[in-house]
Amino acid sequence: MGRPKKLRNYKITVRYPHIYLVAVGSSLGAEFRVTERNGPRKPGVVRFSGRRPDLYGNPMGTLVIDDEKFKAWFDGQTLLPNMKTAEAAAKWMVSNTEDIYFGCPICLFMTKNWDEYQAHVANKGDWVLEQFDLEVEERENDDKD
């Protein structure tokens, strides 16, 4: 094993592969249908859960989605046209519901704008890592990864 390496000598890219949605006010426990009805089977839905306070102390619910989760949750079911992908579903929920926003998994940032959301989350991850003095240590392959 070598000496630990300071990460400031490396370029680190932080990605948040999910979509983080926040619901406040009347949408706190919101539920959205994602799939078509298939006979007696209930349609697939996503719902907001949790009760963390927003910037003003009001409760807010969250929903974290991505295409992998959509596939696992709704495999074999027919997705509604506006819910074909996690991104399409998130954009539809945000644009069609007054108090649902794209949010940040790290801070209390909320926006209705997809591009602002993407930029904020990407920059916030980098910002968090910059707060720490991180080191990389090479280790032998012990198959515990």
Protein backbone atom coordinates (compact mmCIF):
# COMPACT_ATOMS: atom_id res chain seq x y z
CA MET A 1 0.00 0.00 0.00
CA GLY A 2 1.15 3.47 -0.81
CA ARG A 3 0.68 6.75 0.97
CA PRO A 4 -2.82 8.28 0.88
CA LYS A 5 -3.23 10.77 -1.96
CA LYS A 6 -4.87 14.14 -1.47
CA LEU A 7 -7.95 14.40 -3.65
CA ARG A 8 -7.35 18.04 -4.46
CA ASN A 9 -4.83 16.71 -6.99
CA TYR A 10 -7.65 14.88 -8.80
CA LYS A 11 -10.76 15.99 -10.63
CA ILE A 12 -13.82 14.50 -8.97
CA THR A 13 -17.22 14.55 -10.61
CA VAL A 14 -20.25 14.14 -8.37
CA ARG A 15 -23.47 12.90 -9.94
CA TYR A 16 -26.88 12.47 -8.36
CA PRO A 17 -28.53 9.81 -10.55
CA HIS A 18 -32.03 10.24 -9.14
CA ILE A 19 -34.68 12.92 -9.39
CA TYR A 20 -35.52 14.50 -6.04
CA LEU A 21 -39.01 15.97 -5.81
CA VAL A 22 -40.45 18.01 -2.96
CA ALA A 23 -44.13 18.53 -2.12
CA VAL A 24 -45.37 21.23 0.23
CA GLY A 25 -48.82 22.45 1.25
CA SER A 26 -51.77 20.51 -0.11
CA SER A 27 -49.52 18.17 -2.12
CA LEU A 28 -47.72 16.90 0.98
CA GLY A 29 -49.16 13.39 0.70
CA ALA A 30 -49.82 13.54 -3.05
CA GLU A 31 -50.24 10.34 -5.04
CA PHE A 32 -49.97 10.12 -8.83
CA ARG A 33 -51.12 7.32 -11.06
CA VAL A 34 -48.32 6.08 -13.31
CA THR A 35 -49.83 3.06 -15.08
CA GLU A 36 -52.98 2.10 -16.95
CA ARG A 37 -55.59 0.04 -15.15
CA ASN A 38 -55.15 -3.65 -15.95
CA GLY A 39 -58.44 -5.40 -15.22
CA PRO A 40 -58.97 -5.92 -11.49
CA ARG A 41 -55.39 -4.93 -10.71
CA LYS A 42 -54.97 -1.48 -9.17
CA PRO A 43 -52.96 1.01 -11.24
CA GLY A 44 -49.37 1.72 -10.21
CA VAL A 45 -48.84 4.96 -8.31
CA VAL A 46 -46.04 7.04 -6.82
CA ARG A 47 -46.60 9.02 -3.65
CA PHE A 48 -44.81 11.60 -1.60
CA SER A 49 -43.82 10.65 1.93
CA GLY A 50 -41.92 11.99 4.90
CA ARG A 51 -42.27 15.11 6.95
CA ARG A 52 -39.13 17.21 6.93
CA PRO A 53 -39.42 20.97 7.51
CA ASP A 54 -38.91 23.44 4.69
CA LEU A 55 -37.10 26.76 5.02
CA TYR A 56 -40.02 28.25 6.96
CA GLY A 57 -40.67 25.24 9.20
CA ASN A 58 -43.61 23.95 7.15
CA PRO A 59 -43.68 20.21 6.55
CA MET A 60 -42.69 18.89 3.14
CA GLY A 61 -42.80 15.44 1.61
CA THR A 62 -40.30 13.95 -0.79
CA LEU A 63 -40.27 11.48 -3.66
CA VAL A 64 -37.04 10.15 -5.16
CA ILE A 65 -37.37 8.49 -8.57
CA ASP A 66 -35.22 7.30 -11.46
CA ASP A 67 -35.73 5.09 -14.50
CA GLU A 68 -34.31 2.04 -12.73
CA LYS A 69 -36.86 2.40 -9.92
CA PHE A 70 -39.66 2.94 -12.43
CA LYS A 71 -38.69 -0.29 -14.20
CA ALA A 72 -38.56 -2.24 -10.92
CA TRP A 73 -41.82 -0.80 -9.56
CA PHE A 74 -43.92 -0.95 -12.73
CA ASP A 75 -42.38 -3.81 -14.72
CA GLY A 76 -44.91 -5.38 -17.07
CA GLN A 77 -47.46 -2.59 -16.62
CA THR A 78 -48.41 -0.04 -19.26
CA LEU A 79 -47.13 3.39 -18.26
CA LEU A 80 -49.32 6.43 -18.90
CA PRO A 81 -48.08 8.67 -21.76
CA ASN A 82 -46.87 11.42 -19.40
CA MET A 83 -45.14 8.86 -17.13
CA LYS A 84 -43.03 6.87 -19.64
CA THR A 85 -39.75 7.82 -17.91
CA ALA A 86 -38.89 9.13 -14.46
CA GLU A 87 -37.81 12.45 -15.99
CA ALA A 88 -41.07 12.81 -17.94
CA ALA A 89 -43.08 11.94 -14.82
CA ALA A 90 -41.15 14.39 -12.66
CA LYS A 91 -41.51 17.23 -15.16
CA TRP A 92 -45.23 16.51 -15.51
CA MET A 93 -45.82 16.48 -11.73
CA VAL A 94 -43.87 19.71 -11.24
CA SER A 95 -45.51 21.58 -14.11
CA ASN A 96 -49.06 20.40 -13.35
CA THR A 97 -49.08 20.76 -9.57
CA GLU A 98 -48.74 24.12 -7.87
CA ASP A 99 -46.76 23.00 -4.83
CA ILE A 100 -44.48 20.25 -6.16
CA TYR A 101 -40.91 21.24 -7.01
CA PHE A 102 -37.58 19.81 -8.05
CA GLY A 103 -35.55 19.80 -4.83
CA CYS A 104 -32.07 19.22 -3.53
CA PRO A 105 -31.22 16.10 -1.49
CA ILE A 106 -28.65 18.13 0.47
CA CYS A 107 -30.26 21.50 1.19
CA LEU A 108 -33.68 23.17 1.04
CA PHE A 109 -33.38 24.48 -2.54
CA MET A 110 -36.57 24.13 -4.62
CA THR A 111 -37.38 25.22 -8.17
CA LYS A 112 -39.87 24.62 -10.95
CA ASN A 113 -37.11 24.89 -13.57
CA TRP A 114 -35.48 21.60 -14.70
CA ASP A 115 -32.23 23.20 -15.87
CA GLU A 116 -31.80 25.16 -12.62
CA TYR A 117 -32.43 21.96 -10.68
CA GLN A 118 -29.82 20.01 -12.67
CA ALA A 119 -27.20 22.73 -12.26
CA HIS A 120 -27.88 23.17 -8.55
CA VAL A 121 -27.66 19.47 -7.69
CA ALA A 122 -24.45 19.03 -9.72
CA ASN A 123 -22.81 22.05 -8.07
CA LYS A 124 -24.03 21.15 -4.58
CA GLY A 125 -22.37 17.73 -4.69
CA ASP A 126 -19.07 19.28 -5.73
CA TRP A 127 -19.46 21.96 -3.04
CA VAL A 128 -20.03 19.35 -0.31
CA LEU A 129 -16.91 17.41 -1.28
CA GLU A 130 -14.83 20.58 -1.34
CA GLN A 131 -15.68 21.10 2.35
CA PHE A 132 -13.70 17.99 3.32
CA ASP A 133 -10.04 17.12 3.14
CA LEU A 134 -10.43 13.80 1.35
CA GLU A 135 -7.69 11.28 0.69
CA VAL A 136 -7.49 8.27 -1.60
CA GLU A 137 -5.65 5.23 -0.39
CA GLU A 138 -4.73 2.41 -2.71
CA ARG A 139 -5.54 -0.98 -1.28
CA GLU A 140 -5.09 -4.52 -2.33
CA ASN A 141 -7.96 -6.23 -4.11
CA ASP A 142 -9.66 -8.13 -1.28
CA ASP A 143 -12.99 -8.75 -3.11
CA LYS A 144 -14.90 -6.80 -0.44
CA ASP A 145 -16.00 -3.97 -2.76
